[in-house]
Amino acid sequence: MSFVADGAPWIWKRLDWVIAQAKLDSTRVAEVLETAQLIWQTERGQAHRIRAGESLRQQTSFDDYLASRAADPSSTFRKHRPRTGGAVGA
């Protein structure tokens, strides 16, 4: 199920109704919404840093990741991301 909203305050007043109508697990809905909020905050922070002149490549220490992957081909970017503070829900 996809639920799209612009975050307007009125949508939250209807969320319980949507959860009931769709027979969703309210705990799981809360977890998904919290993760979505964290992703949004992370991306806004990254965008702010890009506008300030720090590339995403720099923010993610991508060159370090490439070096670690060269040394260990099983190394993944997903495993690398938590060390750079940008991983969400990994």
C-alpha atoms as a PDB file:
ATOM      1  CA  MET A   1       0.000   0.000   0.000  1.00  0.00           C
ATOM      2  CA  SER A   2       1.241   3.476  -0.825  1.00  0.00           C
ATOM      3  CA  PHE A   3       0.163   6.491   1.116  1.00  0.00           C
ATOM      4  CA  VAL A   4       1.172   9.872  -0.223  1.00  0.00           C
ATOM      5  CA  ALA A   5       0.723  13.107   1.680  1.00  0.00           C
ATOM      6  CA  ASP A   6       2.387  16.475   1.800  1.00  0.00           C
ATOM      7  CA  GLY A   7       2.676  16.504   5.580  1.00  0.00           C
ATOM      8  CA  ALA A   8      -0.099  19.041   6.052  1.00  0.00           C
ATOM      9  CA  PRO A   9      -1.448  19.031   9.622  1.00  0.00           C
ATOM     10  CA  TRP A  10      -4.917  17.828   8.576  1.00  0.00           C
ATOM     11  CA  ILE A  11      -3.552  14.513   7.282  1.00  0.00           C
ATOM     12  CA  TRP A  12      -2.492  13.453  10.790  1.00  0.00           C
ATOM     13  CA  LYS A  13      -6.068  13.896  12.024  1.00  0.00           C
ATOM     14  CA  ARG A  14      -7.144  11.256   9.505  1.00  0.00           C
ATOM     15  CA  LEU A  15      -4.279   8.810  10.019  1.00  0.00           C
ATOM     16  CA  ASP A  16      -6.115   6.661  12.589  1.00  0.00           C
ATOM     17  CA  TRP A  17      -9.045   6.383  10.171  1.00  0.00           C
ATOM     18  CA  VAL A  18      -6.742   5.345   7.311  1.00  0.00           C
ATOM     19  CA  ILE A  19      -5.023   2.757   9.521  1.00  0.00           C
ATOM     20  CA  ALA A  20      -8.386   1.302  10.547  1.00  0.00           C
ATOM     21  CA  GLN A  21      -9.812   1.291   7.007  1.00  0.00           C
ATOM     22  CA  ALA A  22      -6.725  -0.383   5.566  1.00  0.00           C
ATOM     23  CA  LYS A  23      -6.450  -2.770   8.535  1.00  0.00           C
ATOM     24  CA  LEU A  24      -2.831  -1.817   9.129  1.00  0.00           C
ATOM     25  CA  ASP A  25      -0.738  -2.566  12.203  1.00  0.00           C
ATOM     26  CA  SER A  26      -0.483   0.837  13.900  1.00  0.00           C
ATOM     27  CA  THR A  27       2.874  -0.065  15.491  1.00  0.00           C
ATOM     28  CA  ARG A  28       4.354  -0.860  12.098  1.00  0.00           C
ATOM     29  CA  VAL A  29       2.888   2.344  10.616  1.00  0.00           C
ATOM     30  CA  ALA A  30       4.612   4.341  13.367  1.00  0.00           C
ATOM     31  CA  GLU A  31       7.937   2.584  12.638  1.00  0.00           C
ATOM     32  CA  VAL A  32       7.657   3.320   8.915  1.00  0.00           C
ATOM     33  CA  LEU A  33       6.759   6.965   9.536  1.00  0.00           C
ATOM     34  CA  GLU A  34       9.676   7.375  11.959  1.00  0.00           C
ATOM     35  CA  THR A  35      12.074   5.897   9.399  1.00  0.00           C
ATOM     36  CA  ALA A  36      10.659   8.150   6.668  1.00  0.00           C
ATOM     37  CA  GLN A  37      11.196  11.173   8.917  1.00  0.00           C
ATOM     38  CA  LEU A  38      14.785  10.108   9.619  1.00  0.00           C
ATOM     39  CA  ILE A  39      15.492   9.689   5.901  1.00  0.00           C
ATOM     40  CA  TRP A  40      14.005  13.117   5.194  1.00  0.00           C
ATOM     41  CA  GLN A  41      16.157  14.723   7.911  1.00  0.00           C
ATOM     42  CA  THR A  42      19.296  12.953   6.690  1.00  0.00           C
ATOM     43  CA  GLU A  43      18.712  14.017   3.086  1.00  0.00           C
ATOM     44  CA  ARG A  44      18.027  17.619   4.097  1.00  0.00           C
ATOM     45  CA  GLY A  45      21.268  17.647   6.063  1.00  0.00           C
ATOM     46  CA  GLN A  46      23.166  16.227   3.102  1.00  0.00           C
ATOM     47  CA  ALA A  47      21.627  18.802   0.769  1.00  0.00           C
ATOM     48  CA  HIS A  48      22.558  21.612   3.157  1.00  0.00           C
ATOM     49  CA  ARG A  49      26.151  20.374   3.262  1.00  0.00           C
ATOM     50  CA  ILE A  50      26.235  20.145  -0.553  1.00  0.00           C
ATOM     51  CA  ARG A  51      25.058  23.771  -0.798  1.00  0.00           C
ATOM     52  CA  ALA A  52      27.855  24.658   1.629  1.00  0.00           C
ATOM     53  CA  GLY A  53      30.371  23.092  -0.748  1.00  0.00           C
ATOM     54  CA  GLU A  54      30.835  19.566   0.613  1.00  0.00           C
ATOM     55  CA  SER A  55      30.078  17.012  -2.098  1.00  0.00           C
ATOM     56  CA  LEU A  56      28.110  13.859  -1.355  1.00  0.00           C
ATOM     57  CA  ARG A  57      31.242  11.938  -2.293  1.00  0.00           C
ATOM     58  CA  GLN A  58      33.080  13.735   0.507  1.00  0.00           C
ATOM     59  CA  GLN A  59      30.206  13.306   2.965  1.00  0.00           C
ATOM     60  CA  THR A  60      30.130   9.556   2.382  1.00  0.00           C
ATOM     61  CA  SER A  61      33.917   9.153   2.386  1.00  0.00           C
ATOM     62  CA  PHE A  62      33.451   7.405  -0.929  1.00  0.00           C
ATOM     63  CA  ASP A  63      37.180   7.227  -1.662  1.00  0.00           C
ATOM     64  CA  ASP A  64      37.669   5.366   1.644  1.00  0.00           C
ATOM     65  CA  TYR A  65      34.908   2.972   0.631  1.00  0.00           C
ATOM     66  CA  LEU A  66      36.569   2.324  -2.740  1.00  0.00           C
ATOM     67  CA  ALA A  67      39.875   1.626  -0.994  1.00  0.00           C
ATOM     68  CA  SER A  68      38.238  -0.784   1.449  1.00  0.00           C
ATOM     69  CA  ARG A  69      36.457  -2.547  -1.398  1.00  0.00           C
ATOM     70  CA  ALA A  70      39.740  -2.880  -3.287  1.00  0.00           C
ATOM     71  CA  ALA A  71      41.261  -4.528  -0.214  1.00  0.00           C
ATOM     72  CA  ASP A  72      38.158  -6.633   0.498  1.00  0.00           C
ATOM     73  CA  PRO A  73      35.824  -7.285  -2.449  1.00  0.00           C
ATOM     74  CA  SER A  74      33.077  -8.412  -0.060  1.00  0.00           C
ATOM     75  CA  SER A  75      32.940  -4.880   1.382  1.00  0.00           C
ATOM     76  CA  THR A  76      29.671  -3.140   0.578  1.00  0.00           C
ATOM     77  CA  PHE A  77      28.631   0.493   0.581  1.00  0.00           C
ATOM     78  CA  ARG A  78      25.749  -0.440   2.891  1.00  0.00           C
ATOM     79  CA  LYS A  79      28.257  -1.626   5.493  1.00  0.00           C
ATOM     80  CA  HIS A  80      30.379   1.498   4.962  1.00  0.00           C
ATOM     81  CA  ARG A  81      27.558   4.042   5.380  1.00  0.00           C
ATOM     82  CA  PRO A  82      27.016   3.780   9.162  1.00  0.00           C
ATOM     83  CA  ARG A  83      30.630   4.862   9.688  1.00  0.00           C
ATOM     84  CA  THR A  84      29.947   8.126   7.842  1.00  0.00           C
ATOM     85  CA  GLY A  85      26.748   9.012   9.712  1.00  0.00           C
ATOM     86  CA  GLY A  86      24.491   8.787   6.686  1.00  0.00           C
ATOM     87  CA  ALA A  87      22.952   5.339   6.993  1.00  0.00           C
ATOM     88  CA  VAL A  88      19.260   5.108   7.699  1.00  0.00           C
ATOM     89  CA  GLY A  89      17.593   1.845   8.576  1.00  0.00           C
ATOM     90  CA  ALA A  90      20.630  -0.226   7.701  1.00  0.00           C
END
